[in-house]
Amino acid sequence: METGLVLPAGAFLFYLALVGWLLRRMERKIRTVRPVFPQWGVKLKGISKRVATATGKCDSCGGRVVGGS
């Protein structure tokens, strides 16, 4: 590797690692605040999450949904 590219390449790899870590951290935080359907014991996501947040009920069976922890 050329000497003039060592510092920029290292900075780029550091940047990629930082972005990856931040994305993983964001996904974990999003996962913890998803609404939970107590009958199934699962956290809702996608359209089910949006319907449950707006109505307070499961889009499949109409059961009451509680907020995430």
PDB file of N, CA and C in Angstrom:
ATOM      1  N   MET A   1       0.851  -1.181   0.000  1.00  0.00           N
ATOM      2  CA  MET A   1       0.000   0.000   0.000  1.00  0.00           C
ATOM      3  C   MET A   1       0.890   1.236   0.000  1.00  0.00           C
ATOM      4  N   GLU A   2       0.491   2.198  -0.750  1.00  0.00           N
ATOM      5  CA  GLU A   2       1.252   3.427  -0.848  1.00  0.00           C
ATOM      6  C   GLU A   2       1.193   4.198   0.461  1.00  0.00           C
ATOM      7  N   THR A   3       2.284   4.829   0.858  1.00  0.00           N
ATOM      8  CA  THR A   3       2.381   5.535   2.133  1.00  0.00           C
ATOM      9  C   THR A   3       1.352   6.653   2.235  1.00  0.00           C
ATOM     10  N   GLY A   4       1.040   7.340   1.165  1.00  0.00           N
ATOM     11  CA  GLY A   4       0.090   8.448   1.192  1.00  0.00           C
ATOM     12  C   GLY A   4      -1.354   8.011   1.378  1.00  0.00           C
ATOM     13  N   LEU A   5      -1.636   6.715   1.231  1.00  0.00           N
ATOM     14  CA  LEU A   5      -3.004   6.216   1.366  1.00  0.00           C
ATOM     15  C   LEU A   5      -3.283   5.575   2.723  1.00  0.00           C
ATOM     16  N   VAL A   6      -2.267   5.399   3.534  1.00  0.00           N
ATOM     17  CA  VAL A   6      -2.447   4.708   4.811  1.00  0.00           C
ATOM     18  C   VAL A   6      -3.388   5.475   5.722  1.00  0.00           C
ATOM     19  N   LEU A   7      -3.169   6.750   5.916  1.00  0.00           N
ATOM     20  CA  LEU A   7      -4.014   7.557   6.805  1.00  0.00           C
ATOM     21  C   LEU A   7      -5.441   7.674   6.284  1.00  0.00           C
ATOM     22  N   PRO A   8      -5.675   8.016   5.005  1.00  0.00           N
ATOM     23  CA  PRO A   8      -7.062   8.078   4.516  1.00  0.00           C
ATOM     24  C   PRO A   8      -7.773   6.721   4.569  1.00  0.00           C
ATOM     25  N   ALA A   9      -7.067   5.652   4.266  1.00  0.00           N
ATOM     26  CA  ALA A   9      -7.679   4.325   4.318  1.00  0.00           C
ATOM     27  C   ALA A   9      -8.043   3.961   5.755  1.00  0.00           C
ATOM     28  N   GLY A  10      -7.181   4.271   6.690  1.00  0.00           N
ATOM     29  CA  GLY A  10      -7.475   4.013   8.099  1.00  0.00           C
ATOM     30  C   GLY A  10      -8.659   4.829   8.588  1.00  0.00           C
ATOM     31  N   ALA A  11      -8.714   6.095   8.178  1.00  0.00           N
ATOM     32  CA  ALA A  11      -9.839   6.954   8.569  1.00  0.00           C
ATOM     33  C   ALA A  11     -11.142   6.432   7.972  1.00  0.00           C
ATOM     34  N   PHE A  12     -11.099   5.961   6.732  1.00  0.00           N
ATOM     35  CA  PHE A  12     -12.286   5.423   6.082  1.00  0.00           C
ATOM     36  C   PHE A  12     -12.775   4.165   6.799  1.00  0.00           C
ATOM     37  N   LEU A  13     -11.870   3.275   7.147  1.00  0.00           N
ATOM     38  CA  LEU A  13     -12.262   2.061   7.865  1.00  0.00           C
ATOM     39  C   LEU A  13     -12.829   2.385   9.243  1.00  0.00           C
ATOM     40  N   PHE A  14     -12.236   3.376   9.911  1.00  0.00           N
ATOM     41  CA  PHE A  14     -12.764   3.815  11.200  1.00  0.00           C
ATOM     42  C   PHE A  14     -14.181   4.361  11.031  1.00  0.00           C
ATOM     43  N   TYR A  15     -14.393   5.160   9.984  1.00  0.00           N
ATOM     44  CA  TYR A  15     -15.705   5.732   9.701  1.00  0.00           C
ATOM     45  C   TYR A  15     -16.734   4.624   9.450  1.00  0.00           C
ATOM     46  N   LEU A  16     -16.373   3.619   8.655  1.00  0.00           N
ATOM     47  CA  LEU A  16     -17.286   2.503   8.388  1.00  0.00           C
ATOM     48  C   LEU A  16     -17.642   1.749   9.669  1.00  0.00           C
ATOM     49  N   ALA A  17     -16.659   1.523  10.524  1.00  0.00           N
ATOM     50  CA  ALA A  17     -16.916   0.832  11.791  1.00  0.00           C
ATOM     51  C   ALA A  17     -17.841   1.664  12.680  1.00  0.00           C
ATOM     52  N   LEU A  18     -17.615   2.965  12.719  1.00  0.00           N
ATOM     53  CA  LEU A  18     -18.454   3.851  13.529  1.00  0.00           C
ATOM     54  C   LEU A  18     -19.890   3.856  13.030  1.00  0.00           C
ATOM     55  N   VAL A  19     -20.081   3.962  11.724  1.00  0.00           N
ATOM     56  CA  VAL A  19     -21.432   3.959  11.159  1.00  0.00           C
ATOM     57  C   VAL A  19     -22.121   2.622  11.432  1.00  0.00           C
ATOM     58  N   GLY A  20     -21.417   1.523  11.285  1.00  0.00           N
ATOM     59  CA  GLY A  20     -21.981   0.210  11.580  1.00  0.00           C
ATOM     60  C   GLY A  20     -22.406   0.088  13.036  1.00  0.00           C
ATOM     61  N   TRP A  21     -21.581   0.560  13.936  1.00  0.00           N
ATOM     62  CA  TRP A  21     -21.900   0.516  15.366  1.00  0.00           C
ATOM     63  C   TRP A  21     -23.126   1.374  15.676  1.00  0.00           C
ATOM     64  N   LEU A  22     -23.190   2.574  15.098  1.00  0.00           N
ATOM     65  CA  LEU A  22     -24.330   3.459  15.333  1.00  0.00           C
ATOM     66  C   LEU A  22     -25.628   2.879  14.772  1.00  0.00           C
ATOM     67  N   LEU A  23     -25.571   2.247  13.601  1.00  0.00           N
ATOM     68  CA  LEU A  23     -26.762   1.618  13.033  1.00  0.00           C
ATOM     69  C   LEU A  23     -27.253   0.460  13.893  1.00  0.00           C
ATOM     70  N   ARG A  24     -26.329  -0.360  14.380  1.00  0.00           N
ATOM     71  CA  ARG A  24     -26.703  -1.479  15.252  1.00  0.00           C
ATOM     72  C   ARG A  24     -27.329  -0.976  16.543  1.00  0.00           C
ATOM     73  N   ARG A  25     -26.758   0.086  17.099  1.00  0.00           N
ATOM     74  CA  ARG A  25     -27.285   0.673  18.337  1.00  0.00           C
ATOM     75  C   ARG A  25     -28.688   1.247  18.108  1.00  0.00           C
ATOM     76  N   MET A  26     -28.899   1.930  16.978  1.00  0.00           N
ATOM     77  CA  MET A  26     -30.205   2.491  16.652  1.00  0.00           C
ATOM     78  C   MET A  26     -31.250   1.385  16.495  1.00  0.00           C
ATOM     79  N   GLU A  27     -30.890   0.304  15.827  1.00  0.00           N
ATOM     80  CA  GLU A  27     -31.824  -0.807  15.635  1.00  0.00           C
ATOM     81  C   GLU A  27     -32.227  -1.430  16.966  1.00  0.00           C
ATOM     82  N   ARG A  28     -31.276  -1.580  17.884  1.00  0.00           N
ATOM     83  CA  ARG A  28     -31.604  -2.118  19.218  1.00  0.00           C
ATOM     84  C   ARG A  28     -32.581  -1.214  19.952  1.00  0.00           C
ATOM     85  N   LYS A  29     -32.354   0.098  19.892  1.00  0.00           N
ATOM     86  CA  LYS A  29     -33.244   1.040  20.571  1.00  0.00           C
ATOM     87  C   LYS A  29     -34.636   1.028  19.956  1.00  0.00           C
ATOM     88  N   ILE A  30     -34.718   0.940  18.641  1.00  0.00           N
ATOM     89  CA  ILE A  30     -36.015   0.863  17.976  1.00  0.00           C
ATOM     90  C   ILE A  30     -36.742  -0.402  18.406  1.00  0.00           C
ATOM     91  N   ARG A  31     -36.015  -1.508  18.480  1.00  0.00           N
ATOM     92  CA  ARG A  31     -36.611  -2.787  18.859  1.00  0.00           C
ATOM     93  C   ARG A  31     -37.189  -2.755  20.280  1.00  0.00           C
ATOM     94  N   THR A  32     -36.564  -2.008  21.200  1.00  0.00           N
ATOM     95  CA  THR A  32     -37.034  -1.988  22.591  1.00  0.00           C
ATOM     96  C   THR A  32     -38.314  -1.180  22.777  1.00  0.00           C
ATOM     97  N   VAL A  33     -38.629  -0.263  21.871  1.00  0.00           N
ATOM     98  CA  VAL A  33     -39.822   0.566  22.051  1.00  0.00           C
ATOM     99  C   VAL A  33     -40.997   0.121  21.182  1.00  0.00           C
ATOM    100  N   ARG A  34     -40.871  -0.999  20.494  1.00  0.00           N
ATOM    101  CA  ARG A  34     -41.992  -1.518  19.709  1.00  0.00           C
ATOM    102  C   ARG A  34     -43.110  -1.965  20.645  1.00  0.00           C
ATOM    103  N   PRO A  35     -44.364  -1.775  20.232  1.00  0.00           N
ATOM    104  CA  PRO A  35     -45.478  -2.271  21.055  1.00  0.00           C
ATOM    105  C   PRO A  35     -45.457  -3.798  21.146  1.00  0.00           C
ATOM    106  N   VAL A  36     -45.914  -4.309  22.295  1.00  0.00           N
ATOM    107  CA  VAL A  36     -45.909  -5.755  22.538  1.00  0.00           C
ATOM    108  C   VAL A  36     -47.344  -6.257  22.591  1.00  0.00           C
ATOM    109  N   PHE A  37     -47.596  -7.349  21.901  1.00  0.00           N
ATOM    110  CA  PHE A  37     -48.902  -7.993  21.983  1.00  0.00           C
ATOM    111  C   PHE A  37     -48.812  -9.070  23.049  1.00  0.00           C
ATOM    112  N   PRO A  38     -49.481  -8.868  24.208  1.00  0.00           N
ATOM    113  CA  PRO A  38     -49.299  -9.784  25.341  1.00  0.00           C
ATOM    114  C   PRO A  38     -49.767 -11.213  25.080  1.00  0.00           C
ATOM    115  N   GLN A  39     -50.776 -11.398  24.257  1.00  0.00           N
ATOM    116  CA  GLN A  39     -51.281 -12.742  23.998  1.00  0.00           C
ATOM    117  C   GLN A  39     -50.242 -13.576  23.251  1.00  0.00           C
ATOM    118  N   TRP A  40     -49.494 -12.959  22.343  1.00  0.00           N
ATOM    119  CA  TRP A  40     -48.469 -13.665  21.596  1.00  0.00           C
ATOM    120  C   TRP A  40     -47.105 -13.536  22.248  1.00  0.00           C
ATOM    121  N   GLY A  41     -46.890 -12.460  23.002  1.00  0.00           N
ATOM    122  CA  GLY A  41     -45.587 -12.217  23.605  1.00  0.00           C
ATOM    123  C   GLY A  41     -44.542 -11.751  22.608  1.00  0.00           C
ATOM    124  N   VAL A  42     -44.971 -11.167  21.505  1.00  0.00           N
ATOM    125  CA  VAL A  42     -44.042 -10.692  20.486  1.00  0.00           C
ATOM    126  C   VAL A  42     -44.185  -9.184  20.307  1.00  0.00           C
ATOM    127  N   LYS A  43     -43.103  -8.582  19.832  1.00  0.00           N
ATOM    128  CA  LYS A  43     -43.127  -7.159  19.517  1.00  0.00           C
ATOM    129  C   LYS A  43     -43.576  -6.999  18.075  1.00  0.00           C
ATOM    130  N   LEU A  44     -44.505  -6.085  17.857  1.00  0.00           N
ATOM    131  CA  LEU A  44     -45.045  -5.864  16.521  1.00  0.00           C
ATOM    132  C   LEU A  44     -44.112  -4.983  15.707  1.00  0.00           C
ATOM    133  N   LYS A  45     -44.117  -5.168  14.387  1.00  0.00           N
ATOM    134  CA  LYS A  45     -43.294  -4.335  13.514  1.00  0.00           C
ATOM    135  C   LYS A  45     -44.025  -4.107  12.198  1.00  0.00           C
ATOM    136  N   GLY A  46     -43.536  -3.166  11.426  1.00  0.00           N
ATOM    137  CA  GLY A  46     -44.122  -2.867  10.124  1.00  0.00           C
ATOM    138  C   GLY A  46     -45.510  -2.275  10.250  1.00  0.00           C
ATOM    139  N   ILE A  47     -46.411  -2.713   9.370  1.00  0.00           N
ATOM    140  CA  ILE A  47     -47.773  -2.180   9.356  1.00  0.00           C
ATOM    141  C   ILE A  47     -48.506  -2.526  10.647  1.00  0.00           C
ATOM    142  N   SER A  48     -48.212  -3.691  11.221  1.00  0.00           N
ATOM    143  CA  SER A  48     -48.843  -4.071  12.485  1.00  0.00           C
ATOM    144  C   SER A  48     -48.490  -3.087  13.583  1.00  0.00           C
ATOM    145  N   LYS A  49     -47.246  -2.633  13.606  1.00  0.00           N
ATOM    146  CA  LYS A  49     -46.809  -1.651  14.606  1.00  0.00           C
ATOM    147  C   LYS A  49     -47.552  -0.338  14.422  1.00  0.00           C
ATOM    148  N   ARG A  50     -47.682   0.109  13.176  1.00  0.00           N
ATOM    149  CA  ARG A  50     -48.355   1.382  12.922  1.00  0.00           C
ATOM    150  C   ARG A  50     -49.830   1.318  13.304  1.00  0.00           C
ATOM    151  N   VAL A  51     -50.498   0.221  12.980  1.00  0.00           N
ATOM    152  CA  VAL A  51     -51.912   0.061  13.326  1.00  0.00           C
ATOM    153  C   VAL A  51     -52.072  -0.005  14.844  1.00  0.00           C
ATOM    154  N   ALA A  52     -51.202  -0.761  15.516  1.00  0.00           N
ATOM    155  CA  ALA A  52     -51.282  -0.888  16.967  1.00  0.00           C
ATOM    156  C   ALA A  52     -51.012   0.445  17.661  1.00  0.00           C
ATOM    157  N   THR A  53     -50.081   1.226  17.136  1.00  0.00           N
ATOM    158  CA  THR A  53     -49.776   2.524  17.726  1.00  0.00           C
ATOM    159  C   THR A  53     -50.953   3.476  17.559  1.00  0.00           C
ATOM    160  N   ALA A  54     -51.601   3.452  16.416  1.00  0.00           N
ATOM    161  CA  ALA A  54     -52.710   4.365  16.146  1.00  0.00           C
ATOM    162  C   ALA A  54     -53.992   3.964  16.870  1.00  0.00           C
ATOM    163  N   THR A  55     -54.272   2.656  16.941  1.00  0.00           N
ATOM    164  CA  THR A  55     -55.555   2.212  17.479  1.00  0.00           C
ATOM    165  C   THR A  55     -55.462   1.565  18.858  1.00  0.00           C
ATOM    166  N   GLY A  56     -54.276   1.084  19.234  1.00  0.00           N
ATOM    167  CA  GLY A  56     -54.133   0.359  20.497  1.00  0.00           C
ATOM    168  C   GLY A  56     -54.576  -1.088  20.397  1.00  0.00           C
ATOM    169  N   LYS A  57     -54.848  -1.553  19.162  1.00  0.00           N
ATOM    170  CA  LYS A  57     -55.340  -2.917  18.973  1.00  0.00           C
ATOM    171  C   LYS A  57     -54.526  -3.637  17.905  1.00  0.00           C
ATOM    172  N   CYS A  58     -54.494  -4.943  18.008  1.00  0.00           N
ATOM    173  CA  CYS A  58     -53.793  -5.784  17.020  1.00  0.00           C
ATOM    174  C   CYS A  58     -54.567  -5.742  15.702  1.00  0.00           C
ATOM    175  N   ASP A  59     -53.856  -5.646  14.584  1.00  0.00           N
ATOM    176  CA  ASP A  59     -54.513  -5.601  13.290  1.00  0.00           C
ATOM    177  C   ASP A  59     -55.034  -6.973  12.846  1.00  0.00           C
ATOM    178  N   SER A  60     -54.542  -8.051  13.447  1.00  0.00           N
ATOM    179  CA  SER A  60     -54.985  -9.395  13.068  1.00  0.00           C
ATOM    180  C   SER A  60     -56.247  -9.831  13.812  1.00  0.00           C
ATOM    181  N   CYS A  61     -56.223  -9.684  15.151  1.00  0.00           N
ATOM    182  CA  CYS A  61     -57.315 -10.221  15.947  1.00  0.00           C
ATOM    183  C   CYS A  61     -58.091  -9.164  16.731  1.00  0.00           C
ATOM    184  N   GLY A  62     -57.578  -7.929  16.761  1.00  0.00           N
ATOM    185  CA  GLY A  62     -58.290  -6.866  17.474  1.00  0.00           C
ATOM    186  C   GLY A  62     -58.024  -6.830  18.961  1.00  0.00           C
ATOM    187  N   GLY A  63     -57.092  -7.678  19.452  1.00  0.00           N
ATOM    188  CA  GLY A  63     -56.759  -7.690  20.882  1.00  0.00           C
ATOM    189  C   GLY A  63     -56.022  -6.435  21.297  1.00  0.00           C
ATOM    190  N   ARG A  64     -56.108  -6.109  22.583  1.00  0.00           N
ATOM    191  CA  ARG A  64     -55.462  -4.905  23.119  1.00  0.00           C
ATOM    192  C   ARG A  64     -53.952  -5.091  23.130  1.00  0.00           C
ATOM    193  N   VAL A  65     -53.240  -4.040  22.717  1.00  0.00           N
ATOM    194  CA  VAL A  65     -51.774  -4.057  22.641  1.00  0.00           C
ATOM    195  C   VAL A  65     -51.248  -3.093  23.685  1.00  0.00           C
ATOM    196  N   VAL A  66     -50.152  -3.480  24.361  1.00  0.00           N
ATOM    197  CA  VAL A  66     -49.514  -2.607  25.345  1.00  0.00           C
ATOM    198  C   VAL A  66     -48.216  -2.079  24.771  1.00  0.00           C
ATOM    199  N   GLY A  67     -47.761  -0.896  25.259  1.00  0.00           N
ATOM    200  CA  GLY A  67     -46.534  -0.289  24.771  1.00  0.00           C
ATOM    201  C   GLY A  67     -45.310  -1.106  25.161  1.00  0.00           C
ATOM    202  N   GLY A  68     -44.203  -0.859  24.452  1.00  0.00           N
ATOM    203  CA  GLY A  68     -42.939  -1.554  24.722  1.00  0.00           C
ATOM    204  C   GLY A  68     -42.290  -1.055  25.990  1.00  0.00           C
ATOM    205  N   SER A  69     -41.252  -1.780  26.433  1.00  0.00           N
ATOM    206  CA  SER A  69     -40.560  -1.418  27.660  1.00  0.00           C
ATOM    207  C   SER A  69     -39.524  -0.360  27.427  1.00  0.00           C
TER     208      SER A  69
END
